[in-house]
Amino acid sequence: MTDQLQDLLTRVYEEGVNKAKTEAEQILEQAKTEAAKIVQKAQTDAEALLANAKKQAGDLAKNTDSDLKLAAQHTLSSVKQKLTDVFLDSAFDGKLQAASSDPDFLKNLILEIVSSWKESGGKITISQAMEGKLDQAFRASLKDSAGSQLKVEFSPQMKNGFAIAPADGSYKLSFSDEDFANLFKSYLRPRSNQILFKS
């Protein structure tokens, strides 16, 4: 009986050991499968992160390049504009200021414009600096050319030149050296750009 009992205990022991070995092998196999899945997911995530980082770096490089080109074009355009302005300023500003300060030139210009003036009455505003240089004969010629309703006024606000407006003040035509310079420059700017920059 002890042999049978010993035999039974040995069998139960061996079955328990075999069962434990089988379960241990299953747990080990599951752990290996889980570890492989975790490693695969980590590799997939790392590749996705790397691809995203490369894409962002490429986009940043492309945007930076585009921004640099745009800034360079804007800077070049601004420099060309400034050079054209300097060129036109040196060509016109001094000469036009001298012409608009010349009493004879101003008299002739005012008389020419006033003789074509279609309004009855109105007001002509002349630079106060010219008040002593325009004589009574000139003022009389103005009245003859434009009619007795034309008022002549000298203003310190007018640096040079003159302005003319109808009696109702609905508009004003200004003839200062700045006005003429701006008018000439607007017509000459495209041609000046061609000359200066061969474009």
N, C-alpha and C. Protein backbone atom coordinates (compact mmCIF):
# COMPACT_ATOMS: atom_id res chain seq x y z
N MET A 1 0.81 -1.17 0.00
CA MET A 1 0.00 0.00 0.00
C MET A 1 0.87 1.25 0.00
N THR A 2 1.91 1.25 0.72
CA THR A 2 2.81 2.38 0.70
C THR A 2 3.40 2.57 -0.67
N ASP A 3 3.62 1.47 -1.37
CA ASP A 3 4.15 1.61 -2.74
C ASP A 3 3.13 2.27 -3.63
N GLN A 4 1.89 1.88 -3.42
CA GLN A 4 0.83 2.45 -4.25
C GLN A 4 0.69 3.95 -3.92
N LEU A 5 0.76 4.21 -2.64
CA LEU A 5 0.63 5.59 -2.20
C LEU A 5 1.81 6.42 -2.72
N GLN A 6 2.97 5.80 -2.64
CA GLN A 6 4.16 6.48 -3.14
C GLN A 6 4.03 6.67 -4.64
N ASP A 7 3.54 5.69 -5.34
CA ASP A 7 3.33 5.75 -6.79
C ASP A 7 2.33 6.85 -7.13
N LEU A 8 1.27 6.90 -6.34
CA LEU A 8 0.23 7.90 -6.57
C LEU A 8 0.80 9.30 -6.34
N LEU A 9 1.56 9.45 -5.29
CA LEU A 9 2.15 10.76 -4.99
C LEU A 9 3.13 11.16 -6.08
N THR A 10 3.87 10.24 -6.59
CA THR A 10 4.83 10.53 -7.65
C THR A 10 4.09 10.95 -8.92
N ARG A 11 3.01 10.24 -9.22
CA ARG A 11 2.23 10.58 -10.41
C ARG A 11 1.61 11.97 -10.28
N VAL A 12 1.03 12.26 -9.12
CA VAL A 12 0.40 13.57 -8.88
C VAL A 12 1.48 14.66 -8.96
N TYR A 13 2.62 14.36 -8.40
CA TYR A 13 3.73 15.32 -8.44
C TYR A 13 4.17 15.58 -9.87
N GLU A 14 4.34 14.53 -10.63
CA GLU A 14 4.79 14.66 -12.02
C GLU A 14 3.74 15.40 -12.86
N GLU A 15 2.46 15.05 -12.61
CA GLU A 15 1.40 15.75 -13.35
C GLU A 15 1.41 17.24 -12.98
N GLY A 16 1.59 17.57 -11.73
CA GLY A 16 1.64 18.97 -11.28
C GLY A 16 2.82 19.71 -11.88
N VAL A 17 3.97 19.00 -11.91
CA VAL A 17 5.16 19.62 -12.49
C VAL A 17 4.96 19.82 -13.98
N ASN A 18 4.43 18.81 -14.67
CA ASN A 18 4.18 18.92 -16.12
C ASN A 18 3.17 20.04 -16.42
N LYS A 19 2.12 20.08 -15.59
CA LYS A 19 1.10 21.13 -15.78
C LYS A 19 1.73 22.51 -15.55
N ALA A 20 2.54 22.63 -14.52
CA ALA A 20 3.20 23.91 -14.23
C ALA A 20 4.17 24.29 -15.35
N LYS A 21 4.88 23.29 -15.90
CA LYS A 21 5.79 23.55 -17.02
C LYS A 21 5.01 24.04 -18.23
N THR A 22 3.89 23.36 -18.53
CA THR A 22 3.06 23.74 -19.68
C THR A 22 2.54 25.16 -19.50
N GLU A 23 2.04 25.47 -18.29
CA GLU A 23 1.52 26.82 -18.03
C GLU A 23 2.65 27.86 -18.11
N ALA A 24 3.80 27.50 -17.61
CA ALA A 24 4.94 28.42 -17.65
C ALA A 24 5.35 28.68 -19.10
N GLU A 25 5.34 27.60 -19.93
CA GLU A 25 5.69 27.78 -21.34
C GLU A 25 4.66 28.66 -22.06
N GLN A 26 3.37 28.48 -21.70
CA GLN A 26 2.31 29.31 -22.30
C GLN A 26 2.48 30.78 -21.89
N ILE A 27 2.76 31.01 -20.62
CA ILE A 27 2.95 32.38 -20.12
C ILE A 27 4.17 33.01 -20.79
N LEU A 28 5.23 32.21 -20.92
CA LEU A 28 6.44 32.70 -21.57
C LEU A 28 6.17 33.03 -23.04
N GLU A 29 5.42 32.18 -23.71
CA GLU A 29 5.06 32.41 -25.13
C GLU A 29 4.21 33.67 -25.27
N GLN A 30 3.24 33.84 -24.36
CA GLN A 30 2.41 35.05 -24.38
C GLN A 30 3.25 36.30 -24.14
N ALA A 31 4.19 36.22 -23.21
CA ALA A 31 5.06 37.37 -22.91
C ALA A 31 5.92 37.71 -24.12
N LYS A 32 6.42 36.66 -24.80
CA LYS A 32 7.23 36.91 -26.00
C LYS A 32 6.37 37.57 -27.09
N THR A 33 5.14 37.08 -27.27
CA THR A 33 4.23 37.66 -28.28
C THR A 33 3.92 39.12 -27.95
N GLU A 34 3.61 39.38 -26.67
CA GLU A 34 3.33 40.76 -26.23
C GLU A 34 4.55 41.66 -26.44
N ALA A 35 5.72 41.16 -26.10
CA ALA A 35 6.96 41.94 -26.26
C ALA A 35 7.19 42.25 -27.74
N ALA A 36 6.93 41.26 -28.62
CA ALA A 36 7.10 41.49 -30.07
C ALA A 36 6.13 42.55 -30.56
N LYS A 37 4.87 42.49 -30.04
CA LYS A 37 3.87 43.51 -30.42
C LYS A 37 4.30 44.90 -29.96
N ILE A 38 4.80 44.99 -28.73
CA ILE A 38 5.24 46.28 -28.17
C ILE A 38 6.40 46.83 -28.98
N VAL A 39 7.37 45.98 -29.31
CA VAL A 39 8.52 46.41 -30.11
C VAL A 39 8.05 46.87 -31.50
N GLN A 40 7.13 46.11 -32.12
CA GLN A 40 6.61 46.47 -33.45
C GLN A 40 5.89 47.82 -33.40
N LYS A 41 5.05 48.02 -32.35
CA LYS A 41 4.33 49.30 -32.21
C LYS A 41 5.31 50.45 -32.00
N ALA A 42 6.33 50.23 -31.18
CA ALA A 42 7.33 51.27 -30.93
C ALA A 42 8.06 51.63 -32.21
N GLN A 43 8.40 50.61 -33.04
CA GLN A 43 9.07 50.88 -34.32
C GLN A 43 8.15 51.65 -35.27
N THR A 44 6.88 51.25 -35.33
CA THR A 44 5.90 51.94 -36.18
C THR A 44 5.74 53.39 -35.73
N ASP A 45 5.60 53.59 -34.41
CA ASP A 45 5.45 54.96 -33.87
C ASP A 45 6.70 55.80 -34.16
N ALA A 46 7.88 55.20 -33.99
CA ALA A 46 9.13 55.92 -34.24
C ALA A 46 9.24 56.31 -35.71
N GLU A 47 8.86 55.39 -36.62
CA GLU A 47 8.91 55.70 -38.05
C GLU A 47 7.92 56.81 -38.40
N ALA A 48 6.73 56.77 -37.80
CA ALA A 48 5.73 57.82 -38.04
C ALA A 48 6.23 59.17 -37.54
N LEU A 49 6.83 59.18 -36.34
CA LEU A 49 7.38 60.43 -35.79
C LEU A 49 8.51 60.97 -36.68
N LEU A 50 9.37 60.08 -37.13
CA LEU A 50 10.48 60.49 -37.99
C LEU A 50 9.96 61.05 -39.32
N ALA A 51 8.97 60.36 -39.90
CA ALA A 51 8.39 60.84 -41.17
C ALA A 51 7.73 62.20 -40.98
N ASN A 52 7.01 62.38 -39.85
CA ASN A 52 6.36 63.66 -39.57
C ASN A 52 7.39 64.76 -39.36
N ALA A 53 8.47 64.45 -38.64
CA ALA A 53 9.53 65.44 -38.41
C ALA A 53 10.19 65.84 -39.72
N LYS A 54 10.43 64.86 -40.61
CA LYS A 54 11.02 65.16 -41.92
C LYS A 54 10.08 66.05 -42.74
N LYS A 55 8.78 65.73 -42.70
CA LYS A 55 7.79 66.53 -43.46
C LYS A 55 7.76 67.97 -42.93
N GLN A 56 7.73 68.11 -41.58
CA GLN A 56 7.71 69.45 -40.99
C GLN A 56 8.99 70.22 -41.33
N ALA A 57 10.12 69.54 -41.30
CA ALA A 57 11.39 70.20 -41.65
C ALA A 57 11.38 70.63 -43.11
N GLY A 58 10.85 69.78 -44.00
CA GLY A 58 10.74 70.13 -45.42
C GLY A 58 9.82 71.31 -45.63
N ASP A 59 8.65 71.30 -44.94
CA ASP A 59 7.71 72.42 -45.05
C ASP A 59 8.33 73.71 -44.53
N LEU A 60 9.04 73.62 -43.42
CA LEU A 60 9.69 74.80 -42.85
C LEU A 60 10.74 75.35 -43.80
N ALA A 61 11.53 74.46 -44.39
CA ALA A 61 12.56 74.90 -45.35
C ALA A 61 11.91 75.56 -46.56
N LYS A 62 10.81 74.97 -47.06
CA LYS A 62 10.12 75.53 -48.22
C LYS A 62 9.53 76.90 -47.89
N ASN A 63 8.87 77.01 -46.72
CA ASN A 63 8.29 78.29 -46.31
C ASN A 63 9.35 79.36 -46.08
N THR A 64 10.46 78.94 -45.46
CA THR A 64 11.55 79.89 -45.22
C THR A 64 12.13 80.39 -46.53
N ASP A 65 12.32 79.48 -47.48
CA ASP A 65 12.84 79.85 -48.79
C ASP A 65 11.88 80.81 -49.49
N SER A 66 10.59 80.50 -49.42
CA SER A 66 9.58 81.36 -50.05
C SER A 66 9.56 82.75 -49.39
N ASP A 67 9.63 82.77 -48.03
CA ASP A 67 9.65 84.05 -47.32
C ASP A 67 10.89 84.86 -47.65
N LEU A 68 12.03 84.19 -47.75
CA LEU A 68 13.28 84.89 -48.10
C LEU A 68 13.21 85.49 -49.50
N LYS A 69 12.66 84.73 -50.46
CA LYS A 69 12.52 85.25 -51.82
C LYS A 69 11.60 86.46 -51.85
N LEU A 70 10.47 86.35 -51.12
CA LEU A 70 9.52 87.46 -51.07
C LEU A 70 10.15 88.69 -50.42
N ALA A 71 10.88 88.49 -49.33
CA ALA A 71 11.55 89.61 -48.65
C ALA A 71 12.60 90.24 -49.56
N ALA A 72 13.34 89.41 -50.31
CA ALA A 72 14.36 89.93 -51.23
C ALA A 72 13.71 90.75 -52.34
N GLN A 73 12.60 90.25 -52.90
CA GLN A 73 11.90 90.99 -53.95
C GLN A 73 11.36 92.31 -53.41
N HIS A 74 10.78 92.26 -52.20
CA HIS A 74 10.24 93.48 -51.60
C HIS A 74 11.35 94.50 -51.34
N THR A 75 12.48 94.02 -50.81
CA THR A 75 13.61 94.91 -50.54
C THR A 75 14.14 95.52 -51.83
N LEU A 76 14.30 94.71 -52.86
CA LEU A 76 14.78 95.20 -54.15
C LEU A 76 13.82 96.23 -54.73
N SER A 77 12.54 95.93 -54.65
CA SER A 77 11.53 96.87 -55.16
C SER A 77 11.57 98.19 -54.38
N SER A 78 11.72 98.10 -53.07
CA SER A 78 11.79 99.30 -52.23
C SER A 78 13.04 100.13 -52.55
N VAL A 79 14.17 99.45 -52.74
CA VAL A 79 15.41 100.17 -53.08
C VAL A 79 15.27 100.85 -54.44
N LYS A 80 14.69 100.15 -55.41
CA LYS A 80 14.48 100.75 -56.73
C LYS A 80 13.58 101.98 -56.63
N GLN A 81 12.51 101.86 -55.82
CA GLN A 81 11.59 102.98 -55.64
C GLN A 81 12.31 104.19 -55.03
N LYS A 82 13.12 103.93 -54.00
CA LYS A 82 13.86 105.02 -53.35
C LYS A 82 14.86 105.67 -54.32
N LEU A 83 15.57 104.85 -55.09
CA LEU A 83 16.53 105.39 -56.06
C LEU A 83 15.82 106.23 -57.13
N THR A 84 14.66 105.74 -57.59
CA THR A 84 13.89 106.50 -58.58
C THR A 84 13.44 107.83 -57.98
N ASP A 85 12.97 107.80 -56.73
CA ASP A 85 12.53 109.03 -56.06
C ASP A 85 13.68 110.03 -55.93
N VAL A 86 14.86 109.53 -55.53
CA VAL A 86 16.04 110.41 -55.40
C VAL A 86 16.40 111.01 -56.75
N PHE A 87 16.37 110.18 -57.78
CA PHE A 87 16.68 110.64 -59.15
C PHE A 87 15.70 111.73 -59.58
N LEU A 88 14.40 111.47 -59.39
CA LEU A 88 13.39 112.45 -59.81
C LEU A 88 13.42 113.70 -58.94
N ASP A 89 13.66 113.53 -57.64
CA ASP A 89 13.74 114.69 -56.75
C ASP A 89 14.89 115.60 -57.17
N SER A 90 16.04 115.01 -57.46
CA SER A 90 17.19 115.83 -57.86
C SER A 90 16.94 116.50 -59.20
N ALA A 91 16.15 115.88 -60.06
CA ALA A 91 15.88 116.44 -61.38
C ALA A 91 14.87 117.58 -61.32
N PHE A 92 13.90 117.50 -60.39
CA PHE A 92 12.79 118.46 -60.45
C PHE A 92 12.67 119.42 -59.28
N ASP A 93 12.87 118.94 -58.06
CA ASP A 93 12.49 119.73 -56.90
C ASP A 93 13.11 121.13 -56.88
N GLY A 94 14.40 121.23 -57.03
CA GLY A 94 15.05 122.54 -56.98
C GLY A 94 14.60 123.45 -58.11
N LYS A 95 14.52 122.91 -59.33
CA LYS A 95 14.13 123.73 -60.49
C LYS A 95 12.68 124.20 -60.38
N LEU A 96 11.80 123.31 -59.94
CA LEU A 96 10.39 123.71 -59.82
C LEU A 96 10.20 124.72 -58.70
N GLN A 97 10.93 124.56 -57.62
CA GLN A 97 10.81 125.52 -56.53
C GLN A 97 11.31 126.90 -56.98
N ALA A 98 12.39 126.91 -57.74
CA ALA A 98 12.90 128.18 -58.26
C ALA A 98 11.90 128.81 -59.23
N ALA A 99 11.30 127.98 -60.10
CA ALA A 99 10.33 128.51 -61.07
C ALA A 99 9.10 129.05 -60.36
N SER A 100 8.61 128.33 -59.33
CA SER A 100 7.39 128.80 -58.65
C SER A 100 7.67 130.00 -57.75
N SER A 101 8.93 130.32 -57.51
CA SER A 101 9.28 131.51 -56.73
C SER A 101 9.61 132.70 -57.64
N ASP A 102 9.65 132.47 -58.93
CA ASP A 102 9.94 133.53 -59.90
C ASP A 102 8.66 134.31 -60.18
N PRO A 103 8.62 135.61 -59.82
CA PRO A 103 7.39 136.39 -59.97
C PRO A 103 6.89 136.44 -61.42
N ASP A 104 7.78 136.60 -62.39
CA ASP A 104 7.34 136.69 -63.79
C ASP A 104 6.71 135.37 -64.24
N PHE A 105 7.35 134.26 -63.92
CA PHE A 105 6.80 132.96 -64.29
C PHE A 105 5.43 132.77 -63.64
N LEU A 106 5.33 133.10 -62.34
CA LEU A 106 4.08 132.94 -61.61
C LEU A 106 2.99 133.83 -62.19
N LYS A 107 3.33 135.09 -62.53
CA LYS A 107 2.33 136.00 -63.13
C LYS A 107 1.78 135.40 -64.42
N ASN A 108 2.70 134.97 -65.30
CA ASN A 108 2.27 134.42 -66.59
C ASN A 108 1.40 133.17 -66.40
N LEU A 109 1.80 132.31 -65.49
CA LEU A 109 1.05 131.08 -65.25
C LEU A 109 -0.34 131.41 -64.69
N ILE A 110 -0.41 132.30 -63.72
CA ILE A 110 -1.69 132.66 -63.13
C ILE A 110 -2.60 133.29 -64.19
N LEU A 111 -2.07 134.22 -64.97
CA LEU A 111 -2.89 134.87 -66.00
C LEU A 111 -3.39 133.87 -67.04
N GLU A 112 -2.53 132.93 -67.41
CA GLU A 112 -2.93 131.91 -68.40
C GLU A 112 -4.06 131.05 -67.85
N ILE A 113 -3.94 130.64 -66.60
CA ILE A 113 -4.97 129.78 -66.00
C ILE A 113 -6.26 130.57 -65.78
N VAL A 114 -6.13 131.78 -65.27
CA VAL A 114 -7.33 132.58 -64.98
C VAL A 114 -8.06 132.95 -66.27
N SER A 115 -7.33 133.15 -67.36
CA SER A 115 -8.00 133.50 -68.62
C SER A 115 -8.85 132.33 -69.14
N SER A 116 -8.51 131.10 -68.74
CA SER A 116 -9.30 129.93 -69.13
C SER A 116 -10.33 129.56 -68.07
N TRP A 117 -10.34 130.28 -66.99
CA TRP A 117 -11.25 129.99 -65.87
C TRP A 117 -12.68 130.24 -66.31
N LYS A 118 -13.54 129.23 -66.18
CA LYS A 118 -14.92 129.34 -66.67
C LYS A 118 -15.89 129.75 -65.58
N GLU A 119 -15.43 129.77 -64.35
CA GLU A 119 -16.30 130.13 -63.24
C GLU A 119 -16.48 131.65 -63.19
N SER A 120 -17.63 132.06 -62.68
CA SER A 120 -17.79 133.50 -62.43
C SER A 120 -17.46 133.70 -60.96
N GLY A 121 -16.47 134.47 -60.71
CA GLY A 121 -16.04 134.70 -59.34
C GLY A 121 -15.09 133.62 -58.88
N GLY A 122 -15.02 133.47 -57.58
CA GLY A 122 -14.10 132.50 -57.01
C GLY A 122 -13.00 133.20 -56.24
N LYS A 123 -12.01 132.41 -55.87
CA LYS A 123 -10.94 132.96 -55.05
C LYS A 123 -9.62 132.37 -55.52
N ILE A 124 -8.62 133.22 -55.62
CA ILE A 124 -7.27 132.75 -55.93
C ILE A 124 -6.41 133.05 -54.70
N THR A 125 -5.73 132.02 -54.22
CA THR A 125 -4.88 132.16 -53.03
C THR A 125 -3.43 132.04 -53.49
N ILE A 126 -2.64 133.08 -53.18
CA ILE A 126 -1.24 133.13 -53.62
C ILE A 126 -0.36 133.12 -52.37
N SER A 127 0.82 132.57 -52.51
CA SER A 127 1.77 132.53 -51.41
C SER A 127 2.02 133.94 -50.89
N GLN A 128 2.04 134.08 -49.58
CA GLN A 128 2.25 135.39 -48.97
C GLN A 128 3.64 135.94 -49.31
N ALA A 129 4.58 135.06 -49.61
CA ALA A 129 5.92 135.50 -49.97
C ALA A 129 5.92 136.30 -51.27
N MET A 130 4.88 136.13 -52.09
CA MET A 130 4.81 136.83 -53.37
C MET A 130 4.04 138.15 -53.29
N GLU A 131 3.49 138.48 -52.13
CA GLU A 131 2.61 139.65 -52.01
C GLU A 131 3.30 140.93 -52.47
N GLY A 132 4.50 141.17 -52.06
CA GLY A 132 5.19 142.39 -52.46
C GLY A 132 5.73 142.33 -53.89
N LYS A 133 5.79 141.17 -54.48
CA LYS A 133 6.40 141.02 -55.80
C LYS A 133 5.37 141.11 -56.93
N LEU A 134 4.09 141.00 -56.59
CA LEU A 134 3.04 141.09 -57.61
C LEU A 134 2.38 142.48 -57.50
N ASP A 135 2.57 143.27 -58.51
CA ASP A 135 2.14 144.67 -58.44
C ASP A 135 0.65 144.83 -58.74
N GLN A 136 0.19 146.10 -58.61
CA GLN A 136 -1.22 146.42 -58.83
C GLN A 136 -1.63 146.17 -60.27
N ALA A 137 -0.73 146.38 -61.21
CA ALA A 137 -1.05 146.15 -62.63
C ALA A 137 -1.40 144.68 -62.83
N PHE A 138 -0.69 143.81 -62.16
CA PHE A 138 -0.97 142.38 -62.27
C PHE A 138 -2.35 142.06 -61.69
N ARG A 139 -2.65 142.65 -60.54
CA ARG A 139 -3.96 142.39 -59.91
C ARG A 139 -5.09 142.89 -60.80
N ALA A 140 -4.87 144.01 -61.46
CA ALA A 140 -5.88 144.54 -62.38
C ALA A 140 -6.04 143.59 -63.57
N SER A 141 -4.93 143.03 -64.07
CA SER A 141 -5.02 142.09 -65.19
C SER A 141 -5.81 140.85 -64.79
N LEU A 142 -5.66 140.45 -63.53
CA LEU A 142 -6.42 139.30 -63.05
C LEU A 142 -7.92 139.58 -63.12
N LYS A 143 -8.30 140.76 -62.65
CA LYS A 143 -9.72 141.13 -62.66
C LYS A 143 -10.23 141.21 -64.09
N ASP A 144 -9.40 141.71 -65.02
CA ASP A 144 -9.80 141.80 -66.43
C ASP A 144 -9.98 140.40 -67.02
N SER A 145 -9.09 139.49 -66.68
CA SER A 145 -9.13 138.15 -67.25
C SER A 145 -10.27 137.31 -66.69
N ALA A 146 -10.52 137.41 -65.38
CA ALA A 146 -11.48 136.51 -64.75
C ALA A 146 -12.76 137.21 -64.32
N GLY A 147 -12.84 138.49 -64.41
CA GLY A 147 -14.03 139.19 -63.96
C GLY A 147 -13.83 139.79 -62.59
N SER A 148 -14.68 140.70 -62.25
CA SER A 148 -14.51 141.45 -61.00
C SER A 148 -14.85 140.62 -59.77
N GLN A 149 -15.49 139.48 -59.94
CA GLN A 149 -15.88 138.64 -58.80
C GLN A 149 -14.72 137.83 -58.23
N LEU A 150 -13.61 137.78 -58.93
CA LEU A 150 -12.47 136.99 -58.47
C LEU A 150 -11.78 137.70 -57.31
N LYS A 151 -11.66 137.01 -56.18
CA LYS A 151 -10.99 137.57 -55.01
C LYS A 151 -9.55 137.07 -54.99
N VAL A 152 -8.63 137.98 -54.72
CA VAL A 152 -7.22 137.61 -54.62
C VAL A 152 -6.83 137.70 -53.15
N GLU A 153 -6.19 136.63 -52.67
CA GLU A 153 -5.83 136.58 -51.26
C GLU A 153 -4.41 136.01 -51.15
N PHE A 154 -3.65 136.53 -50.21
CA PHE A 154 -2.30 136.03 -49.96
C PHE A 154 -2.32 135.27 -48.63
N SER A 155 -1.78 134.06 -48.62
CA SER A 155 -1.88 133.22 -47.43
C SER A 155 -0.51 132.68 -47.01
N PRO A 156 -0.24 132.68 -45.71
CA PRO A 156 1.00 132.09 -45.23
C PRO A 156 0.98 130.55 -45.32
N GLN A 157 -0.21 129.97 -45.44
CA GLN A 157 -0.29 128.51 -45.58
C GLN A 157 0.25 128.02 -46.93
N MET A 158 0.18 128.88 -47.95
CA MET A 158 0.74 128.52 -49.26
C MET A 158 2.23 128.81 -49.20
N LYS A 159 3.06 127.78 -49.28
CA LYS A 159 4.51 127.99 -49.25
C LYS A 159 4.96 128.71 -50.50
N ASN A 160 4.47 128.22 -51.63
CA ASN A 160 4.78 128.87 -52.91
C ASN A 160 3.70 128.45 -53.90
N GLY A 161 3.67 129.12 -55.03
CA GLY A 161 2.64 128.81 -56.02
C GLY A 161 1.32 129.48 -55.67
N PHE A 162 0.23 128.88 -56.13
CA PHE A 162 -1.08 129.45 -55.87
C PHE A 162 -2.15 128.36 -55.97
N ALA A 163 -3.37 128.70 -55.55
CA ALA A 163 -4.51 127.78 -55.66
C ALA A 163 -5.71 128.61 -56.09
N ILE A 164 -6.61 127.99 -56.85
CA ILE A 164 -7.79 128.69 -57.31
C ILE A 164 -9.01 127.82 -57.02
N ALA A 165 -10.10 128.46 -56.58
CA ALA A 165 -11.31 127.73 -56.22
C ALA A 165 -12.53 128.54 -56.63
N PRO A 166 -13.63 127.90 -56.99
CA PRO A 166 -14.86 128.64 -57.31
C PRO A 166 -15.44 129.26 -56.05
N ALA A 167 -16.40 130.15 -56.23
CA ALA A 167 -16.98 130.88 -55.11
C ALA A 167 -17.63 129.94 -54.10
N ASP A 168 -18.22 128.84 -54.54
CA ASP A 168 -18.89 127.93 -53.59
C ASP A 168 -17.90 127.01 -52.86
N GLY A 169 -16.63 127.05 -53.22
CA GLY A 169 -15.60 126.26 -52.54
C GLY A 169 -15.74 124.76 -52.75
N SER A 170 -16.44 124.33 -53.80
CA SER A 170 -16.67 122.90 -54.02
C SER A 170 -15.40 122.13 -54.40
N TYR A 171 -14.41 122.80 -54.92
CA TYR A 171 -13.13 122.17 -55.23
C TYR A 171 -12.05 123.23 -55.24
N LYS A 172 -10.81 122.78 -55.30
CA LYS A 172 -9.68 123.71 -55.32
C LYS A 172 -8.61 123.13 -56.22
N LEU A 173 -8.08 123.94 -57.11
CA LEU A 173 -6.97 123.54 -57.97
C LEU A 173 -5.71 124.17 -57.42
N SER A 174 -4.73 123.33 -57.10
CA SER A 174 -3.50 123.81 -56.48
C SER A 174 -2.35 123.73 -57.49
N PHE A 175 -1.52 124.78 -57.51
CA PHE A 175 -0.40 124.87 -58.45
C PHE A 175 0.88 125.24 -57.70
N SER A 176 1.30 124.35 -56.78
CA SER A 176 2.56 124.60 -56.06
C SER A 176 3.66 123.78 -56.72
N ASP A 177 4.90 124.03 -56.31
CA ASP A 177 6.00 123.25 -56.88
C ASP A 177 5.85 121.77 -56.55
N GLU A 178 5.29 121.46 -55.36
CA GLU A 178 5.06 120.06 -54.99
C GLU A 178 4.04 119.42 -55.92
N ASP A 179 2.97 120.17 -56.25
CA ASP A 179 1.94 119.63 -57.14
C ASP A 179 2.52 119.33 -58.52
N PHE A 180 3.30 120.26 -59.04
CA PHE A 180 3.91 120.04 -60.37
C PHE A 180 4.92 118.89 -60.31
N ALA A 181 5.70 118.84 -59.25
CA ALA A 181 6.69 117.76 -59.11
C ALA A 181 5.99 116.41 -59.06
N ASN A 182 4.92 116.32 -58.27
CA ASN A 182 4.18 115.05 -58.20
C ASN A 182 3.57 114.68 -59.54
N LEU A 183 3.06 115.67 -60.26
CA LEU A 183 2.48 115.41 -61.58
C LEU A 183 3.54 114.90 -62.55
N PHE A 184 4.67 115.61 -62.63
CA PHE A 184 5.74 115.19 -63.54
C PHE A 184 6.31 113.84 -63.14
N LYS A 185 6.50 113.64 -61.84
CA LYS A 185 7.09 112.38 -61.37
C LYS A 185 6.18 111.19 -61.68
N SER A 186 4.87 111.38 -61.57
CA SER A 186 3.97 110.26 -61.85
C SER A 186 4.07 109.82 -63.31
N TYR A 187 4.30 110.78 -64.22
CA TYR A 187 4.47 110.43 -65.63
C TYR A 187 5.86 109.89 -65.93
N LEU A 188 6.86 110.41 -65.23
CA LEU A 188 8.25 110.04 -65.54
C LEU A 188 8.76 108.82 -64.77
N ARG A 189 8.05 108.41 -63.71
CA ARG A 189 8.52 107.29 -62.88
C ARG A 189 8.71 106.01 -63.70
N PRO A 190 7.74 105.56 -64.53
CA PRO A 190 7.96 104.32 -65.29
C PRO A 190 9.17 104.41 -66.23
N ARG A 191 9.31 105.54 -66.93
CA ARG A 191 10.44 105.69 -67.85
C ARG A 191 11.76 105.77 -67.09
N SER A 192 11.74 106.44 -65.94
CA SER A 192 12.95 106.52 -65.11
C SER A 192 13.37 105.13 -64.64
N ASN A 193 12.39 104.30 -64.26
CA ASN A 193 12.71 102.93 -63.85
C ASN A 193 13.36 102.16 -64.99
N GLN A 194 12.86 102.35 -66.20
CA GLN A 194 13.45 101.67 -67.36
C GLN A 194 14.89 102.12 -67.57
N ILE A 195 15.11 103.42 -67.47
CA ILE A 195 16.45 103.97 -67.68
C ILE A 195 17.40 103.49 -66.59
N LEU A 196 16.97 103.59 -65.33
CA LEU A 196 17.84 103.26 -64.21
C LEU A 196 18.10 101.75 -64.07
N PHE A 197 17.09 100.93 -64.33
CA PHE A 197 17.20 99.51 -64.01
C PHE A 197 17.07 98.61 -65.23
N LYS A 198 17.03 99.19 -66.42
CA LYS A 198 16.97 98.43 -67.67
C LYS A 198 15.88 97.36 -67.63
N SER A 199 14.73 97.74 -67.07
CA SER A 199 13.64 96.77 -66.98
C SER A 199 12.47 97.17 -67.85
